[in-house]
Amino acid sequence: MQRAVVERAEGGRAARELKRSDRRWLLVVVGTFAVSMSMFVGAHQLYLATGPHPEVTVLIRRVKYLARRFAPQRHRFRKGD
């Protein structure tokens, strides 16, 4: 009798399993984020260490140009307002 009351007060077996599952998913998401961020930082450091890359600079400029052309920014305020 005592055990049944305690299980109901804590939410029961299904609630405990749901909490465990939520913790697992949180750890998976946080771990994936940490690994991907460390990979990006490592790749950036490798890029900086290997010297200038003019072809990458040209590629970034082209991508920025296309992004601005196809998705123009609308300014909320005019000069002087």
N, C-alpha and C. Protein backbone atom coordinates (compact mmCIF):
# COMPACT_ATOMS: atom_id res chain seq x y z
N MET A 1 0.82 -1.19 0.00
CA MET A 1 0.00 0.00 0.00
C MET A 1 0.86 1.26 0.00
N GLN A 2 1.90 1.23 0.83
CA GLN A 2 2.78 2.40 0.94
C GLN A 2 3.48 2.66 -0.41
N ARG A 3 3.92 1.64 -1.10
CA ARG A 3 4.63 1.79 -2.37
C ARG A 3 3.72 2.41 -3.44
N ALA A 4 2.49 2.00 -3.51
CA ALA A 4 1.56 2.52 -4.49
C ALA A 4 1.33 4.01 -4.28
N VAL A 5 1.27 4.45 -3.05
CA VAL A 5 1.07 5.86 -2.75
C VAL A 5 2.29 6.67 -3.17
N VAL A 6 3.49 6.15 -2.94
CA VAL A 6 4.71 6.84 -3.30
C VAL A 6 4.82 6.96 -4.81
N GLU A 7 4.50 5.89 -5.54
CA GLU A 7 4.58 5.93 -7.01
C GLU A 7 3.61 6.95 -7.58
N ARG A 8 2.44 7.03 -7.03
CA ARG A 8 1.47 7.99 -7.53
C ARG A 8 1.92 9.42 -7.23
N ALA A 9 2.51 9.64 -6.08
CA ALA A 9 2.96 10.98 -5.71
C ALA A 9 4.09 11.45 -6.63
N GLU A 10 4.98 10.54 -7.03
CA GLU A 10 6.09 10.90 -7.91
C GLU A 10 5.69 10.92 -9.37
N GLY A 11 4.55 10.43 -9.69
CA GLY A 11 4.10 10.44 -11.07
C GLY A 11 4.11 9.07 -11.70
N GLY A 12 4.61 8.09 -11.02
CA GLY A 12 4.56 6.74 -11.52
C GLY A 12 5.73 6.38 -12.43
N ARG A 13 5.68 5.15 -12.87
CA ARG A 13 6.76 4.59 -13.69
C ARG A 13 6.86 5.29 -15.05
N ALA A 14 5.74 5.61 -15.66
CA ALA A 14 5.75 6.26 -16.97
C ALA A 14 6.38 7.65 -16.89
N ALA A 15 6.12 8.37 -15.83
CA ALA A 15 6.70 9.70 -15.68
C ALA A 15 8.22 9.62 -15.49
N ARG A 16 8.67 8.62 -14.71
CA ARG A 16 10.12 8.45 -14.53
C ARG A 16 10.79 8.09 -15.85
N GLU A 17 10.17 7.23 -16.62
CA GLU A 17 10.74 6.85 -17.92
C GLU A 17 10.76 8.04 -18.87
N LEU A 18 9.73 8.87 -18.81
CA LEU A 18 9.69 10.07 -19.65
C LEU A 18 10.81 11.03 -19.26
N LYS A 19 11.06 11.20 -17.97
CA LYS A 19 12.15 12.07 -17.52
C LYS A 19 13.50 11.54 -17.99
N ARG A 20 13.69 10.21 -17.89
CA ARG A 20 14.94 9.62 -18.37
C ARG A 20 15.12 9.85 -19.86
N SER A 21 14.05 9.67 -20.60
CA SER A 21 14.11 9.88 -22.04
C SER A 21 14.42 11.34 -22.37
N ASP A 22 13.82 12.26 -21.64
CA ASP A 22 14.09 13.68 -21.86
C ASP A 22 15.55 14.01 -21.57
N ARG A 23 16.09 13.44 -20.50
CA ARG A 23 17.49 13.68 -20.18
C ARG A 23 18.40 13.13 -21.27
N ARG A 24 18.07 11.95 -21.77
CA ARG A 24 18.89 11.36 -22.86
C ARG A 24 18.87 12.27 -24.08
N TRP A 25 17.71 12.74 -24.47
CA TRP A 25 17.63 13.61 -25.64
C TRP A 25 18.36 14.93 -25.41
N LEU A 26 18.27 15.46 -24.19
CA LEU A 26 19.00 16.68 -23.88
C LEU A 26 20.51 16.45 -24.01
N LEU A 27 20.99 15.33 -23.50
CA LEU A 27 22.42 15.03 -23.61
C LEU A 27 22.83 14.83 -25.07
N VAL A 28 21.99 14.20 -25.86
CA VAL A 28 22.29 14.02 -27.28
C VAL A 28 22.37 15.37 -27.99
N VAL A 29 21.42 16.24 -27.73
CA VAL A 29 21.40 17.56 -28.38
C VAL A 29 22.60 18.39 -27.95
N VAL A 30 22.87 18.44 -26.66
CA VAL A 30 24.01 19.22 -26.15
C VAL A 30 25.32 18.64 -26.67
N GLY A 31 25.44 17.33 -26.68
CA GLY A 31 26.66 16.71 -27.20
C GLY A 31 26.87 16.98 -28.68
N THR A 32 25.80 16.89 -29.46
CA THR A 32 25.90 17.17 -30.89
C THR A 32 26.29 18.62 -31.12
N PHE A 33 25.70 19.52 -30.37
CA PHE A 33 26.04 20.94 -30.50
C PHE A 33 27.50 21.18 -30.15
N ALA A 34 27.97 20.59 -29.06
CA ALA A 34 29.36 20.80 -28.63
C ALA A 34 30.34 20.23 -29.66
N VAL A 35 30.05 19.06 -30.19
CA VAL A 35 30.94 18.46 -31.20
C VAL A 35 30.96 19.30 -32.46
N SER A 36 29.80 19.75 -32.92
CA SER A 36 29.76 20.53 -34.16
C SER A 36 30.46 21.87 -33.98
N MET A 37 30.29 22.51 -32.82
CA MET A 37 30.97 23.78 -32.58
C MET A 37 32.48 23.59 -32.52
N SER A 38 32.93 22.53 -31.88
CA SER A 38 34.38 22.29 -31.82
C SER A 38 34.93 21.96 -33.20
N MET A 39 34.16 21.29 -34.04
CA MET A 39 34.61 21.02 -35.41
C MET A 39 34.73 22.32 -36.20
N PHE A 40 33.76 23.22 -36.06
CA PHE A 40 33.83 24.50 -36.76
C PHE A 40 35.01 25.33 -36.29
N VAL A 41 35.24 25.35 -34.98
CA VAL A 41 36.37 26.11 -34.45
C VAL A 41 37.69 25.50 -34.94
N GLY A 42 37.78 24.19 -34.92
CA GLY A 42 38.99 23.52 -35.41
C GLY A 42 39.23 23.77 -36.89
N ALA A 43 38.17 23.70 -37.70
CA ALA A 43 38.31 23.96 -39.13
C ALA A 43 38.72 25.41 -39.38
N HIS A 44 38.18 26.33 -38.61
CA HIS A 44 38.55 27.74 -38.76
C HIS A 44 40.00 27.96 -38.39
N GLN A 45 40.45 27.34 -37.31
CA GLN A 45 41.86 27.47 -36.92
C GLN A 45 42.78 26.87 -37.97
N LEU A 46 42.41 25.75 -38.54
CA LEU A 46 43.19 25.14 -39.62
C LEU A 46 43.24 26.06 -40.83
N TYR A 47 42.11 26.66 -41.16
CA TYR A 47 42.04 27.61 -42.28
C TYR A 47 42.97 28.80 -42.04
N LEU A 48 42.95 29.33 -40.83
CA LEU A 48 43.82 30.47 -40.52
C LEU A 48 45.29 30.08 -40.51
N ALA A 49 45.59 28.87 -40.08
CA ALA A 49 46.99 28.44 -39.96
C ALA A 49 47.61 28.12 -41.31
N THR A 50 46.82 27.76 -42.30
CA THR A 50 47.38 27.33 -43.58
C THR A 50 47.61 28.48 -44.54
N GLY A 51 47.32 29.70 -44.13
CA GLY A 51 47.68 30.84 -44.96
C GLY A 51 46.51 31.43 -45.71
N PRO A 52 46.82 32.43 -46.56
CA PRO A 52 45.76 33.11 -47.31
C PRO A 52 45.18 32.19 -48.39
N HIS A 53 43.90 32.29 -48.58
CA HIS A 53 43.20 31.48 -49.58
C HIS A 53 42.38 32.42 -50.46
N PRO A 54 42.96 32.95 -51.53
CA PRO A 54 42.24 33.93 -52.35
C PRO A 54 40.99 33.35 -53.01
N GLU A 55 41.00 32.06 -53.36
CA GLU A 55 39.81 31.48 -54.00
C GLU A 55 38.63 31.41 -53.04
N VAL A 56 38.91 31.20 -51.75
CA VAL A 56 37.84 31.17 -50.76
C VAL A 56 37.29 32.58 -50.57
N THR A 57 38.17 33.57 -50.57
CA THR A 57 37.73 34.96 -50.44
C THR A 57 36.82 35.35 -51.60
N VAL A 58 37.19 34.94 -52.81
CA VAL A 58 36.37 35.23 -53.98
C VAL A 58 35.02 34.53 -53.86
N LEU A 59 35.02 33.29 -53.41
CA LEU A 59 33.77 32.54 -53.24
C LEU A 59 32.86 33.23 -52.22
N ILE A 60 33.42 33.67 -51.11
CA ILE A 60 32.61 34.34 -50.08
C ILE A 60 32.03 35.64 -50.62
N ARG A 61 32.82 36.39 -51.38
CA ARG A 61 32.31 37.64 -51.96
C ARG A 61 31.17 37.36 -52.93
N ARG A 62 31.30 36.31 -53.74
CA ARG A 62 30.22 35.97 -54.69
C ARG A 62 28.95 35.55 -53.96
N VAL A 63 29.11 34.76 -52.92
CA VAL A 63 27.94 34.32 -52.15
C VAL A 63 27.26 35.51 -51.48
N LYS A 64 28.05 36.43 -50.93
CA LYS A 64 27.47 37.64 -50.31
C LYS A 64 26.73 38.48 -51.35
N TYR A 65 27.33 38.62 -52.54
CA TYR A 65 26.69 39.38 -53.60
C TYR A 65 25.35 38.76 -53.99
N LEU A 66 25.34 37.44 -54.17
CA LEU A 66 24.10 36.76 -54.54
C LEU A 66 23.06 36.85 -53.43
N ALA A 67 23.50 36.73 -52.20
CA ALA A 67 22.56 36.82 -51.07
C ALA A 67 21.92 38.20 -51.02
N ARG A 68 22.72 39.23 -51.22
CA ARG A 68 22.17 40.59 -51.19
C ARG A 68 21.27 40.85 -52.38
N ARG A 69 21.59 40.25 -53.51
CA ARG A 69 20.80 40.46 -54.72
C ARG A 69 19.43 39.78 -54.62
N PHE A 70 19.42 38.54 -54.12
CA PHE A 70 18.16 37.78 -54.08
C PHE A 70 17.35 38.02 -52.81
N ALA A 71 17.98 38.51 -51.77
CA ALA A 71 17.27 38.81 -50.53
C ALA A 71 17.69 40.18 -50.04
N PRO A 72 17.20 41.23 -50.70
CA PRO A 72 17.64 42.57 -50.31
C PRO A 72 17.16 42.93 -48.92
N GLN A 73 17.97 43.71 -48.26
CA GLN A 73 17.63 44.18 -46.92
C GLN A 73 16.74 45.41 -47.04
N ARG A 74 15.70 45.45 -46.26
CA ARG A 74 14.84 46.63 -46.23
C ARG A 74 15.16 47.39 -44.95
N HIS A 75 15.47 48.64 -45.11
CA HIS A 75 15.82 49.44 -43.96
C HIS A 75 14.54 49.99 -43.32
N ARG A 76 14.49 49.91 -42.02
CA ARG A 76 13.30 50.34 -41.31
C ARG A 76 13.23 51.86 -41.19
N PHE A 77 14.37 52.49 -41.07
CA PHE A 77 14.39 53.93 -40.86
C PHE A 77 15.18 54.60 -41.97
N ARG A 78 14.69 55.73 -42.40
CA ARG A 78 15.45 56.52 -43.38
C ARG A 78 16.40 57.43 -42.65
N LYS A 79 17.41 57.88 -43.36
CA LYS A 79 18.35 58.82 -42.76
C LYS A 79 17.63 60.10 -42.40
N GLY A 80 17.93 60.60 -41.23
CA GLY A 80 17.34 61.85 -40.80
C GLY A 80 16.06 61.69 -40.00
N ASP A 81 15.54 60.48 -39.87
CA ASP A 81 14.31 60.28 -39.08
C ASP A 81 14.62 60.14 -37.63
